[in-house]
Amino acid sequence: MFVMTVDQRGSRTDIDRVEAVLDRLRTIDSVRPFERTAGDEIQGVLDDPVTLAQLAVELTADGHWSVGIGTGDVEQPLPASTRAGRGAAFLYARDAVEAAKRQRIPLCVRGPDARWCRHAQTAGRLISDIVATRSAAGIEAVALMRRGLTQADAAGVLDISPQAMSQRLRAAGWDLEPDSLDLLADALAEADRLHAVEQAPDGEVAR
C-alpha cells in the first residue's frame, strides 16, 4: 500500500492551490481519495504503482508541491476518511514529505525497504526534472503524444513540419518519459513488496 502526502510550497506568499488540485485528483483511481489534511496539505491512499508514479511526477514537476510517498502496511480496515488512517505507510509518508521540502526536486520516498525506496526516489526525481523544464511548445507536443497520436499526426494538429515536431519532442525529453515512468512504477512496487521490516521512521514502532 502507498500513502502520498503532498504539501504546497511557498503557501504563505501564494494563493491556496489545494482545492484546485483536489478537483484534478477526483478522477484518480485510489483506495481512499485525496483530502485536505491540514493547512495546505493533502493526502491519499493508493495501491497502483503505475498511477502513483504518474501522479508523483505530475505534482513534483508542477513546481508548487512537495511530494512524499510512504510504503508499507496500513491498519485494516481502512476508515472511510484518509485523514483517519493509521499505520507505517502513513508515518513514512509524513517523514518523506518533510524531507522533500528540503530538496531541489521535492520528491521523497520512504519505507521499510530503504534500497528500493531510494531507487524509486531517484527515478522519480530524474523524470520530474525533465518534465519541469519543458517549454510551452514541448508541453503541447507531449500532450498530443500522450493521447496516442503519431508524430506525423501530432505535427498536423500543430500545423508544423514532422521535423519540427521531432525537434520539439527531443527537446522535451519525450523519448525518456515512458520508460522512466515504468522504472519508477517498478521500483515503487518492489519497495512495497519487500516491506518485511515493520518499523516506522525514527525507530517508532508502526501503529
N, C-alpha and C. Protein backbone atom coordinates (compact mmCIF):
# COMPACT_ATOMS: atom_id res chain seq x y z
N MET A 1 0.85 -1.20 0.00
CA MET A 1 0.00 0.00 0.00
C MET A 1 0.89 1.25 0.00
N PHE A 2 0.37 2.29 -0.58
CA PHE A 2 1.11 3.55 -0.65
C PHE A 2 0.27 4.68 -0.08
N VAL A 3 0.93 5.56 0.66
CA VAL A 3 0.31 6.80 1.11
C VAL A 3 1.10 7.95 0.50
N MET A 4 0.39 8.88 -0.13
CA MET A 4 1.03 10.07 -0.67
C MET A 4 0.59 11.29 0.11
N THR A 5 1.56 12.01 0.64
CA THR A 5 1.29 13.26 1.35
C THR A 5 1.93 14.39 0.55
N VAL A 6 1.16 15.41 0.24
CA VAL A 6 1.59 16.49 -0.63
C VAL A 6 1.33 17.82 0.07
N ASP A 7 2.37 18.67 0.11
CA ASP A 7 2.24 19.95 0.80
C ASP A 7 2.57 21.08 -0.17
N GLN A 8 1.78 22.14 -0.16
CA GLN A 8 2.01 23.26 -1.07
C GLN A 8 3.27 24.01 -0.67
N ARG A 9 4.09 24.31 -1.64
CA ARG A 9 5.33 25.05 -1.41
C ARG A 9 5.06 26.55 -1.45
N GLY A 10 5.71 27.27 -0.54
CA GLY A 10 5.58 28.73 -0.52
C GLY A 10 4.17 29.21 -0.32
N SER A 11 3.39 28.48 0.45
CA SER A 11 1.96 28.80 0.59
C SER A 11 1.71 30.14 1.28
N ARG A 12 2.68 30.60 2.05
CA ARG A 12 2.47 31.87 2.76
C ARG A 12 2.48 33.07 1.82
N THR A 13 3.11 32.90 0.67
CA THR A 13 3.18 34.01 -0.30
C THR A 13 2.45 33.68 -1.59
N ASP A 14 1.64 32.63 -1.58
CA ASP A 14 0.95 32.19 -2.78
C ASP A 14 -0.53 32.02 -2.47
N ILE A 15 -1.33 31.85 -3.52
CA ILE A 15 -2.74 31.55 -3.32
C ILE A 15 -2.88 30.11 -2.81
N ASP A 16 -4.03 29.81 -2.26
CA ASP A 16 -4.33 28.45 -1.83
C ASP A 16 -4.65 27.61 -3.06
N ARG A 17 -3.79 26.65 -3.38
CA ARG A 17 -3.96 25.83 -4.57
C ARG A 17 -4.58 24.47 -4.28
N VAL A 18 -4.94 24.22 -3.02
CA VAL A 18 -5.39 22.90 -2.62
C VAL A 18 -6.69 22.49 -3.29
N GLU A 19 -7.70 23.34 -3.27
CA GLU A 19 -9.00 22.96 -3.82
C GLU A 19 -8.90 22.66 -5.31
N ALA A 20 -8.09 23.44 -6.03
CA ALA A 20 -7.93 23.21 -7.47
C ALA A 20 -7.29 21.85 -7.73
N VAL A 21 -6.27 21.50 -6.95
CA VAL A 21 -5.60 20.22 -7.19
C VAL A 21 -6.50 19.06 -6.75
N LEU A 22 -7.29 19.26 -5.71
CA LEU A 22 -8.23 18.21 -5.30
C LEU A 22 -9.26 17.94 -6.39
N ASP A 23 -9.69 18.98 -7.07
CA ASP A 23 -10.61 18.80 -8.20
C ASP A 23 -9.96 17.93 -9.27
N ARG A 24 -8.69 18.16 -9.56
CA ARG A 24 -7.97 17.37 -10.56
C ARG A 24 -7.83 15.92 -10.12
N LEU A 25 -7.69 15.69 -8.83
CA LEU A 25 -7.40 14.35 -8.32
C LEU A 25 -8.64 13.50 -8.09
N ARG A 26 -9.82 14.07 -8.28
CA ARG A 26 -11.04 13.30 -8.02
C ARG A 26 -11.22 12.14 -8.99
N THR A 27 -10.59 12.22 -10.14
CA THR A 27 -10.70 11.13 -11.12
C THR A 27 -9.63 10.06 -10.92
N ILE A 28 -8.71 10.27 -9.99
CA ILE A 28 -7.63 9.31 -9.75
C ILE A 28 -8.20 8.05 -9.11
N ASP A 29 -7.77 6.90 -9.60
CA ASP A 29 -8.18 5.62 -9.03
C ASP A 29 -7.37 5.38 -7.75
N SER A 30 -8.00 5.55 -6.61
CA SER A 30 -7.30 5.45 -5.33
C SER A 30 -8.07 4.55 -4.37
N VAL A 31 -7.37 4.06 -3.36
CA VAL A 31 -8.00 3.26 -2.32
C VAL A 31 -8.84 4.15 -1.41
N ARG A 32 -8.29 5.28 -1.07
CA ARG A 32 -9.01 6.33 -0.34
C ARG A 32 -8.70 7.65 -1.04
N PRO A 33 -9.70 8.51 -1.23
CA PRO A 33 -9.50 9.73 -2.03
C PRO A 33 -8.59 10.73 -1.32
N PHE A 34 -8.02 11.61 -2.13
CA PHE A 34 -7.21 12.68 -1.58
C PHE A 34 -8.10 13.65 -0.82
N GLU A 35 -7.61 14.08 0.35
CA GLU A 35 -8.33 15.03 1.19
C GLU A 35 -7.33 16.06 1.71
N ARG A 36 -7.85 17.24 2.02
CA ARG A 36 -7.03 18.21 2.75
C ARG A 36 -6.90 17.71 4.17
N THR A 37 -5.67 17.56 4.64
CA THR A 37 -5.46 17.05 5.99
C THR A 37 -5.22 18.16 6.99
N ALA A 38 -4.45 19.17 6.59
CA ALA A 38 -4.18 20.31 7.47
C ALA A 38 -3.56 21.41 6.64
N GLY A 39 -4.04 22.63 6.82
CA GLY A 39 -3.45 23.76 6.11
C GLY A 39 -3.46 23.56 4.61
N ASP A 40 -2.27 23.56 4.02
CA ASP A 40 -2.13 23.42 2.57
C ASP A 40 -1.62 22.04 2.19
N GLU A 41 -1.99 21.04 2.96
CA GLU A 41 -1.52 19.68 2.75
C GLU A 41 -2.69 18.78 2.36
N ILE A 42 -2.39 17.82 1.45
CA ILE A 42 -3.39 16.82 1.07
C ILE A 42 -2.75 15.44 1.19
N GLN A 43 -3.64 14.42 1.26
CA GLN A 43 -3.15 13.06 1.43
C GLN A 43 -4.12 12.08 0.81
N GLY A 44 -3.58 11.02 0.20
CA GLY A 44 -4.41 9.97 -0.39
C GLY A 44 -3.74 8.62 -0.20
N VAL A 45 -4.54 7.56 -0.38
CA VAL A 45 -4.04 6.19 -0.25
C VAL A 45 -4.23 5.49 -1.59
N LEU A 46 -3.16 4.89 -2.11
CA LEU A 46 -3.20 4.24 -3.41
C LEU A 46 -2.59 2.85 -3.32
N ASP A 47 -2.97 1.98 -4.27
CA ASP A 47 -2.34 0.66 -4.33
C ASP A 47 -1.77 0.34 -5.71
N ASP A 48 -1.91 1.25 -6.67
CA ASP A 48 -1.42 1.02 -8.02
C ASP A 48 -0.15 1.84 -8.25
N PRO A 49 1.02 1.18 -8.38
CA PRO A 49 2.27 1.93 -8.54
C PRO A 49 2.34 2.71 -9.85
N VAL A 50 1.63 2.27 -10.88
CA VAL A 50 1.64 2.99 -12.15
C VAL A 50 0.93 4.33 -12.00
N THR A 51 -0.25 4.31 -11.40
CA THR A 51 -0.97 5.56 -11.13
C THR A 51 -0.16 6.46 -10.22
N LEU A 52 0.43 5.87 -9.20
CA LEU A 52 1.23 6.64 -8.25
C LEU A 52 2.41 7.31 -8.92
N ALA A 53 3.10 6.58 -9.80
CA ALA A 53 4.26 7.13 -10.49
C ALA A 53 3.88 8.33 -11.34
N GLN A 54 2.82 8.21 -12.11
CA GLN A 54 2.39 9.30 -12.97
C GLN A 54 1.99 10.53 -12.15
N LEU A 55 1.27 10.29 -11.06
CA LEU A 55 0.82 11.39 -10.21
C LEU A 55 1.99 12.07 -9.50
N ALA A 56 2.92 11.28 -9.01
CA ALA A 56 4.07 11.85 -8.30
C ALA A 56 4.88 12.77 -9.21
N VAL A 57 5.10 12.33 -10.44
CA VAL A 57 5.86 13.15 -11.39
C VAL A 57 5.09 14.40 -11.77
N GLU A 58 3.80 14.25 -12.01
CA GLU A 58 2.98 15.41 -12.38
C GLU A 58 3.01 16.48 -11.30
N LEU A 59 2.84 16.09 -10.05
CA LEU A 59 2.79 17.07 -8.96
C LEU A 59 4.17 17.66 -8.68
N THR A 60 5.20 16.82 -8.72
CA THR A 60 6.55 17.32 -8.47
C THR A 60 6.97 18.31 -9.54
N ALA A 61 6.73 17.96 -10.80
CA ALA A 61 7.14 18.83 -11.91
C ALA A 61 6.33 20.11 -11.97
N ASP A 62 5.15 20.12 -11.38
CA ASP A 62 4.29 21.31 -11.37
C ASP A 62 4.99 22.49 -10.71
N GLY A 63 5.82 22.20 -9.72
CA GLY A 63 6.59 23.26 -9.07
C GLY A 63 5.96 23.86 -7.83
N HIS A 64 4.73 23.49 -7.54
CA HIS A 64 4.02 24.08 -6.40
C HIS A 64 3.88 23.12 -5.21
N TRP A 65 4.45 21.91 -5.33
CA TRP A 65 4.17 20.90 -4.31
C TRP A 65 5.43 20.16 -3.88
N SER A 66 5.48 19.83 -2.59
CA SER A 66 6.44 18.87 -2.06
C SER A 66 5.71 17.55 -1.93
N VAL A 67 6.31 16.48 -2.47
CA VAL A 67 5.62 15.20 -2.58
C VAL A 67 6.35 14.15 -1.75
N GLY A 68 5.62 13.52 -0.84
CA GLY A 68 6.16 12.44 -0.03
C GLY A 68 5.37 11.17 -0.26
N ILE A 69 6.07 10.07 -0.48
CA ILE A 69 5.44 8.77 -0.68
C ILE A 69 5.91 7.83 0.42
N GLY A 70 4.96 7.18 1.07
CA GLY A 70 5.27 6.19 2.09
C GLY A 70 4.78 4.83 1.66
N THR A 71 5.60 3.80 1.86
CA THR A 71 5.20 2.43 1.56
C THR A 71 5.07 1.65 2.86
N GLY A 72 4.41 0.51 2.77
CA GLY A 72 4.29 -0.33 3.95
C GLY A 72 2.85 -0.61 4.31
N ASP A 73 2.65 -1.13 5.52
CA ASP A 73 1.32 -1.55 5.96
C ASP A 73 0.49 -0.36 6.42
N VAL A 74 -0.81 -0.52 6.33
CA VAL A 74 -1.77 0.40 6.94
C VAL A 74 -2.72 -0.43 7.79
N GLU A 75 -3.24 0.18 8.82
CA GLU A 75 -4.18 -0.53 9.68
C GLU A 75 -5.46 -0.85 8.91
N GLN A 76 -5.90 -2.09 9.03
CA GLN A 76 -7.14 -2.53 8.40
C GLN A 76 -8.19 -2.81 9.46
N PRO A 77 -9.45 -2.54 9.14
CA PRO A 77 -9.92 -1.97 7.88
C PRO A 77 -9.62 -0.47 7.81
N LEU A 78 -9.35 0.01 6.61
CA LEU A 78 -9.11 1.43 6.43
C LEU A 78 -10.40 2.21 6.70
N PRO A 79 -10.31 3.30 7.45
CA PRO A 79 -11.50 4.13 7.63
C PRO A 79 -11.89 4.81 6.32
N ALA A 80 -13.12 5.30 6.26
CA ALA A 80 -13.60 5.95 5.04
C ALA A 80 -12.81 7.21 4.73
N SER A 81 -12.38 7.92 5.75
CA SER A 81 -11.64 9.16 5.56
C SER A 81 -10.13 8.90 5.58
N THR A 82 -9.42 9.43 4.61
CA THR A 82 -7.97 9.30 4.56
C THR A 82 -7.33 9.87 5.81
N ARG A 83 -7.88 10.97 6.31
CA ARG A 83 -7.29 11.64 7.49
C ARG A 83 -7.27 10.75 8.71
N ALA A 84 -8.17 9.77 8.77
CA ALA A 84 -8.26 8.91 9.94
C ALA A 84 -7.38 7.66 9.83
N GLY A 85 -6.67 7.50 8.72
CA GLY A 85 -5.85 6.31 8.52
C GLY A 85 -4.64 6.27 9.43
N ARG A 86 -4.21 5.06 9.74
CA ARG A 86 -3.05 4.87 10.60
C ARG A 86 -2.21 3.72 10.05
N GLY A 87 -0.95 3.67 10.48
CA GLY A 87 -0.07 2.60 10.07
C GLY A 87 1.27 3.10 9.58
N ALA A 88 2.17 2.16 9.30
CA ALA A 88 3.53 2.51 8.93
C ALA A 88 3.60 3.38 7.69
N ALA A 89 2.79 3.08 6.68
CA ALA A 89 2.85 3.84 5.42
C ALA A 89 2.51 5.31 5.66
N PHE A 90 1.59 5.59 6.56
CA PHE A 90 1.24 6.98 6.88
C PHE A 90 2.43 7.69 7.54
N LEU A 91 3.11 6.99 8.44
CA LEU A 91 4.25 7.58 9.12
C LEU A 91 5.41 7.82 8.16
N TYR A 92 5.63 6.87 7.27
CA TYR A 92 6.69 7.05 6.29
C TYR A 92 6.37 8.20 5.33
N ALA A 93 5.11 8.35 4.96
CA ALA A 93 4.73 9.45 4.07
C ALA A 93 4.97 10.80 4.74
N ARG A 94 4.73 10.88 6.02
CA ARG A 94 5.00 12.11 6.77
C ARG A 94 6.50 12.41 6.77
N ASP A 95 7.30 11.40 7.04
CA ASP A 95 8.74 11.57 7.02
C ASP A 95 9.21 12.00 5.62
N ALA A 96 8.61 11.41 4.58
CA ALA A 96 9.02 11.69 3.21
C ALA A 96 8.70 13.12 2.79
N VAL A 97 7.50 13.60 3.10
CA VAL A 97 7.14 14.95 2.66
C VAL A 97 7.97 16.00 3.39
N GLU A 98 8.29 15.75 4.65
CA GLU A 98 9.14 16.70 5.38
C GLU A 98 10.54 16.74 4.76
N ALA A 99 11.04 15.58 4.35
CA ALA A 99 12.35 15.53 3.70
C ALA A 99 12.30 16.20 2.33
N ALA A 100 11.19 16.02 1.61
CA ALA A 100 11.05 16.59 0.26
C ALA A 100 11.12 18.12 0.29
N LYS A 101 10.65 18.72 1.35
CA LYS A 101 10.64 20.18 1.44
C LYS A 101 12.05 20.77 1.39
N ARG A 102 13.04 19.95 1.68
CA ARG A 102 14.42 20.44 1.73
C ARG A 102 15.19 20.13 0.44
N GLN A 103 14.52 19.55 -0.55
CA GLN A 103 15.19 19.11 -1.77
C GLN A 103 14.92 20.05 -2.95
N ARG A 104 15.89 20.16 -3.84
CA ARG A 104 15.69 20.95 -5.06
C ARG A 104 14.56 20.36 -5.90
N ILE A 105 14.57 19.05 -6.04
CA ILE A 105 13.46 18.34 -6.69
C ILE A 105 12.66 17.70 -5.57
N PRO A 106 11.53 18.31 -5.19
CA PRO A 106 10.87 17.97 -3.93
C PRO A 106 10.03 16.70 -3.96
N LEU A 107 10.71 15.56 -4.16
CA LEU A 107 10.06 14.26 -4.14
C LEU A 107 10.90 13.30 -3.32
N CYS A 108 10.29 12.69 -2.31
CA CYS A 108 10.99 11.71 -1.49
C CYS A 108 10.12 10.48 -1.29
N VAL A 109 10.77 9.33 -1.17
CA VAL A 109 10.08 8.06 -0.94
C VAL A 109 10.70 7.42 0.29
N ARG A 110 9.87 6.99 1.21
CA ARG A 110 10.33 6.37 2.44
C ARG A 110 9.53 5.08 2.70
N GLY A 111 10.20 4.11 3.30
CA GLY A 111 9.55 2.85 3.63
C GLY A 111 10.53 1.91 4.27
N PRO A 112 10.07 0.72 4.66
CA PRO A 112 10.96 -0.24 5.33
C PRO A 112 12.12 -0.69 4.45
N ASP A 113 11.91 -0.79 3.14
CA ASP A 113 12.98 -1.21 2.24
C ASP A 113 13.69 0.03 1.69
N ALA A 114 14.70 0.50 2.40
CA ALA A 114 15.35 1.77 2.07
C ALA A 114 15.99 1.73 0.69
N ARG A 115 16.52 0.58 0.27
CA ARG A 115 17.22 0.50 -1.02
C ARG A 115 16.27 0.76 -2.18
N TRP A 116 15.14 0.07 -2.21
CA TRP A 116 14.21 0.26 -3.32
C TRP A 116 13.49 1.59 -3.23
N CYS A 117 13.28 2.10 -2.03
CA CYS A 117 12.72 3.45 -1.91
C CYS A 117 13.67 4.48 -2.50
N ARG A 118 14.96 4.30 -2.27
CA ARG A 118 15.95 5.23 -2.83
C ARG A 118 15.97 5.13 -4.36
N HIS A 119 15.86 3.91 -4.89
CA HIS A 119 15.82 3.75 -6.34
C HIS A 119 14.58 4.44 -6.92
N ALA A 120 13.44 4.26 -6.28
CA ALA A 120 12.21 4.91 -6.75
C ALA A 120 12.34 6.41 -6.68
N GLN A 121 12.89 6.90 -5.61
CA GLN A 121 13.07 8.34 -5.43
C GLN A 121 13.97 8.92 -6.51
N THR A 122 15.06 8.24 -6.82
CA THR A 122 15.98 8.72 -7.85
C THR A 122 15.31 8.74 -9.22
N ALA A 123 14.62 7.67 -9.56
CA ALA A 123 13.92 7.62 -10.85
C ALA A 123 12.87 8.73 -10.94
N GLY A 124 12.14 8.93 -9.86
CA GLY A 124 11.11 9.96 -9.85
C GLY A 124 11.68 11.37 -9.98
N ARG A 125 12.79 11.62 -9.32
CA ARG A 125 13.40 12.95 -9.40
C ARG A 125 13.95 13.22 -10.79
N LEU A 126 14.56 12.22 -11.39
CA LEU A 126 15.15 12.42 -12.71
C LEU A 126 14.09 12.78 -13.75
N ILE A 127 13.00 12.02 -13.82
CA ILE A 127 11.99 12.31 -14.84
C ILE A 127 11.22 13.58 -14.48
N SER A 128 11.03 13.85 -13.19
CA SER A 128 10.36 15.10 -12.79
C SER A 128 11.17 16.30 -13.22
N ASP A 129 12.50 16.21 -13.12
CA ASP A 129 13.37 17.32 -13.51
C ASP A 129 13.26 17.58 -15.01
N ILE A 130 13.15 16.52 -15.79
CA ILE A 130 12.99 16.67 -17.24
C ILE A 130 11.66 17.32 -17.57
N VAL A 131 10.58 16.82 -16.95
CA VAL A 131 9.24 17.34 -17.23
C VAL A 131 9.14 18.81 -16.80
N ALA A 132 9.75 19.15 -15.68
CA ALA A 132 9.63 20.51 -15.14
C ALA A 132 10.28 21.55 -16.03
N THR A 133 11.25 21.15 -16.83
CA THR A 133 11.99 22.13 -17.64
C THR A 133 11.44 22.24 -19.07
N ARG A 134 10.33 21.59 -19.37
CA ARG A 134 9.78 21.65 -20.72
C ARG A 134 9.22 23.04 -21.03
N SER A 135 9.43 23.45 -22.27
CA SER A 135 8.85 24.71 -22.73
C SER A 135 7.36 24.52 -22.99
N ALA A 136 6.66 25.62 -23.21
CA ALA A 136 5.23 25.54 -23.53
C ALA A 136 5.02 24.72 -24.81
N ALA A 137 5.90 24.91 -25.80
CA ALA A 137 5.79 24.15 -27.04
C ALA A 137 6.02 22.67 -26.79
N GLY A 138 6.97 22.35 -25.91
CA GLY A 138 7.24 20.96 -25.59
C GLY A 138 6.08 20.31 -24.86
N ILE A 139 5.48 21.04 -23.93
CA ILE A 139 4.33 20.52 -23.20
C ILE A 139 3.18 20.22 -24.15
N GLU A 140 2.96 21.11 -25.09
CA GLU A 140 1.90 20.93 -26.08
C GLU A 140 2.15 19.69 -26.95
N ALA A 141 3.39 19.52 -27.37
CA ALA A 141 3.74 18.38 -28.21
C ALA A 141 3.60 17.06 -27.45
N VAL A 142 4.08 17.03 -26.22
CA VAL A 142 4.00 15.82 -25.41
C VAL A 142 2.54 15.45 -25.12
N ALA A 143 1.70 16.44 -24.87
CA ALA A 143 0.28 16.18 -24.59
C ALA A 143 -0.37 15.43 -25.75
N LEU A 144 0.00 15.77 -26.96
CA LEU A 144 -0.56 15.08 -28.12
C LEU A 144 -0.04 13.65 -28.21
N MET A 145 1.21 13.44 -27.91
CA MET A 145 1.77 12.09 -27.94
C MET A 145 1.13 11.22 -26.87
N ARG A 146 0.84 11.79 -25.72
CA ARG A 146 0.19 11.02 -24.65
C ARG A 146 -1.21 10.58 -25.05
N ARG A 147 -1.82 11.29 -25.97
CA ARG A 147 -3.14 10.91 -26.46
C ARG A 147 -3.07 9.77 -27.46
N GLY A 148 -1.87 9.34 -27.81
CA GLY A 148 -1.71 8.21 -28.71
C GLY A 148 -1.53 8.58 -30.16
N LEU A 149 -1.35 9.86 -30.46
CA LEU A 149 -1.14 10.28 -31.84
C LEU A 149 0.26 9.89 -32.30
N THR A 150 0.41 9.69 -33.61
CA THR A 150 1.73 9.53 -34.18
C THR A 150 2.40 10.91 -34.26
N GLN A 151 3.70 10.92 -34.45
CA GLN A 151 4.39 12.20 -34.58
C GLN A 151 3.87 12.98 -35.79
N ALA A 152 3.59 12.24 -36.88
CA ALA A 152 3.10 12.91 -38.09
C ALA A 152 1.73 13.53 -37.85
N ASP A 153 0.85 12.79 -37.17
CA ASP A 153 -0.49 13.32 -36.89
C ASP A 153 -0.41 14.51 -35.93
N ALA A 154 0.44 14.39 -34.92
CA ALA A 154 0.60 15.49 -33.96
C ALA A 154 1.14 16.74 -34.65
N ALA A 155 2.07 16.55 -35.59
CA ALA A 155 2.61 17.68 -36.34
C ALA A 155 1.51 18.36 -37.13
N GLY A 156 0.60 17.55 -37.70
CA GLY A 156 -0.52 18.12 -38.44
C GLY A 156 -1.44 18.94 -37.55
N VAL A 157 -1.70 18.44 -36.34
CA VAL A 157 -2.55 19.17 -35.41
C VAL A 157 -1.93 20.53 -35.07
N LEU A 158 -0.62 20.55 -34.90
CA LEU A 158 0.08 21.78 -34.52
C LEU A 158 0.43 22.64 -35.73
N ASP A 159 0.18 22.11 -36.91
CA ASP A 159 0.48 22.82 -38.15
C ASP A 159 1.97 23.14 -38.24
N ILE A 160 2.78 22.15 -37.94
CA ILE A 160 4.23 22.28 -38.09
C ILE A 160 4.73 21.08 -38.89
N SER A 161 5.97 21.13 -39.32
CA SER A 161 6.53 20.02 -40.10
C SER A 161 6.86 18.85 -39.18
N PRO A 162 6.91 17.63 -39.73
CA PRO A 162 7.33 16.48 -38.92
C PRO A 162 8.71 16.68 -38.31
N GLN A 163 9.59 17.36 -39.02
CA GLN A 163 10.93 17.62 -38.49
C GLN A 163 10.87 18.54 -37.27
N ALA A 164 10.01 19.57 -37.34
CA ALA A 164 9.86 20.48 -36.20
C ALA A 164 9.25 19.75 -35.01
N MET A 165 8.31 18.84 -35.29
CA MET A 165 7.70 18.06 -34.22
C MET A 165 8.74 17.17 -33.54
N SER A 166 9.58 16.55 -34.34
CA SER A 166 10.64 15.71 -33.78
C SER A 166 11.58 16.51 -32.90
N GLN A 167 11.91 17.72 -33.34
CA GLN A 167 12.80 18.58 -32.56
C GLN A 167 12.16 18.98 -31.23
N ARG A 168 10.87 19.28 -31.27
CA ARG A 168 10.18 19.66 -30.02
C ARG A 168 10.18 18.50 -29.03
N LEU A 169 9.89 17.31 -29.53
CA LEU A 169 9.83 16.15 -28.65
C LEU A 169 11.21 15.80 -28.09
N ARG A 170 12.24 15.97 -28.92
CA ARG A 170 13.61 15.71 -28.45
C ARG A 170 13.99 16.69 -27.35
N ALA A 171 13.68 17.96 -27.56
CA ALA A 171 13.99 18.98 -26.56
C ALA A 171 13.21 18.75 -25.27
N ALA A 172 12.01 18.18 -25.39
CA ALA A 172 11.16 17.93 -24.22
C ALA A 172 11.53 16.64 -23.49
N GLY A 173 12.44 15.85 -24.06
CA GLY A 173 12.81 14.59 -23.42
C GLY A 173 11.71 13.55 -23.46
N TRP A 174 10.85 13.63 -24.47
CA TRP A 174 9.72 12.70 -24.56
C TRP A 174 10.19 11.26 -24.66
N ASP A 175 11.31 11.01 -25.32
CA ASP A 175 11.79 9.65 -25.52
C ASP A 175 12.13 8.97 -24.20
N LEU A 176 12.44 9.77 -23.16
CA LEU A 176 12.79 9.21 -21.85
C LEU A 176 11.58 8.97 -20.95
N GLU A 177 10.46 9.65 -21.23
CA GLU A 177 9.36 9.64 -20.28
C GLU A 177 8.71 8.27 -20.08
N PRO A 178 8.28 7.55 -21.11
CA PRO A 178 7.56 6.29 -20.87
C PRO A 178 8.39 5.27 -20.08
N ASP A 179 9.65 5.06 -20.50
CA ASP A 179 10.48 4.08 -19.81
C ASP A 179 10.82 4.54 -18.39
N SER A 180 11.00 5.84 -18.18
CA SER A 180 11.32 6.35 -16.84
C SER A 180 10.14 6.16 -15.90
N LEU A 181 8.93 6.38 -16.40
CA LEU A 181 7.75 6.15 -15.57
C LEU A 181 7.59 4.67 -15.23
N ASP A 182 7.90 3.80 -16.20
CA ASP A 182 7.87 2.36 -15.92
C ASP A 182 8.89 2.00 -14.85
N LEU A 183 10.08 2.58 -14.94
CA LEU A 183 11.12 2.33 -13.95
C LEU A 183 10.67 2.78 -12.57
N LEU A 184 10.08 3.95 -12.48
CA LEU A 184 9.60 4.45 -11.20
C LEU A 184 8.51 3.55 -10.64
N ALA A 185 7.55 3.16 -11.47
CA ALA A 185 6.46 2.29 -11.01
C ALA A 185 6.99 0.94 -10.53
N ASP A 186 7.96 0.36 -11.27
CA ASP A 186 8.52 -0.93 -10.88
C ASP A 186 9.27 -0.82 -9.55
N ALA A 187 10.02 0.28 -9.37
CA ALA A 187 10.75 0.46 -8.13
C ALA A 187 9.81 0.65 -6.94
N LEU A 188 8.73 1.39 -7.15
CA LEU A 188 7.72 1.56 -6.09
C LEU A 188 7.09 0.22 -5.73
N ALA A 189 6.75 -0.57 -6.75
CA ALA A 189 6.14 -1.88 -6.50
C ALA A 189 7.09 -2.78 -5.72
N GLU A 190 8.37 -2.74 -6.08
CA GLU A 190 9.35 -3.57 -5.38
C GLU A 190 9.55 -3.09 -3.95
N ALA A 191 9.57 -1.78 -3.75
CA ALA A 191 9.72 -1.24 -2.40
C ALA A 191 8.56 -1.66 -1.51
N ASP A 192 7.37 -1.68 -2.07
CA ASP A 192 6.19 -2.07 -1.29
C ASP A 192 6.17 -3.58 -1.05
N ARG A 193 6.61 -4.35 -2.03
CA ARG A 193 6.58 -5.82 -1.90
C ARG A 193 7.54 -6.30 -0.82
N LEU A 194 8.63 -5.59 -0.64
CA LEU A 194 9.67 -6.04 0.28
C LEU A 194 9.62 -5.35 1.64
N HIS A 195 8.39 -4.96 2.08
CA HIS A 195 8.33 -4.24 3.36
C HIS A 195 8.17 -5.21 4.53
N ALA A 196 9.15 -6.06 4.68
CA ALA A 196 9.08 -7.06 5.73
C ALA A 196 9.38 -6.47 7.11
N VAL A 197 10.22 -5.45 7.17
CA VAL A 197 10.60 -4.87 8.46
C VAL A 197 9.53 -3.90 8.91
N GLU A 198 8.85 -4.21 9.96
CA GLU A 198 7.73 -3.39 10.43
C GLU A 198 8.19 -2.35 11.44
N GLN A 199 8.93 -1.36 10.96
CA GLN A 199 9.39 -0.30 11.85
C GLN A 199 9.29 1.02 11.13
N ALA A 200 8.68 1.99 11.78
CA ALA A 200 8.43 3.29 11.18
C ALA A 200 9.64 4.21 11.36
N PRO A 201 9.59 5.42 10.75
CA PRO A 201 10.70 6.37 10.88
C PRO A 201 11.06 6.70 12.32
N ASP A 202 12.37 6.96 12.53
CA ASP A 202 12.89 7.39 13.84
C ASP A 202 12.73 6.31 14.91
N GLY A 203 12.63 5.03 14.48
CA GLY A 203 12.57 3.96 15.45
C GLY A 203 11.22 3.76 16.09
N GLU A 204 10.21 4.52 15.70
CA GLU A 204 8.89 4.38 16.30
C GLU A 204 8.21 3.16 15.73
N VAL A 205 7.69 2.31 16.57
CA VAL A 205 7.02 1.10 16.10
C VAL A 205 5.76 1.47 15.36
N ALA A 206 5.54 0.84 14.19
CA ALA A 206 4.36 1.15 13.38
C ALA A 206 3.09 0.84 14.13
N ARG A 207 2.12 1.76 14.01
CA ARG A 207 0.87 1.60 14.73
C ARG A 207 -0.15 0.87 13.87
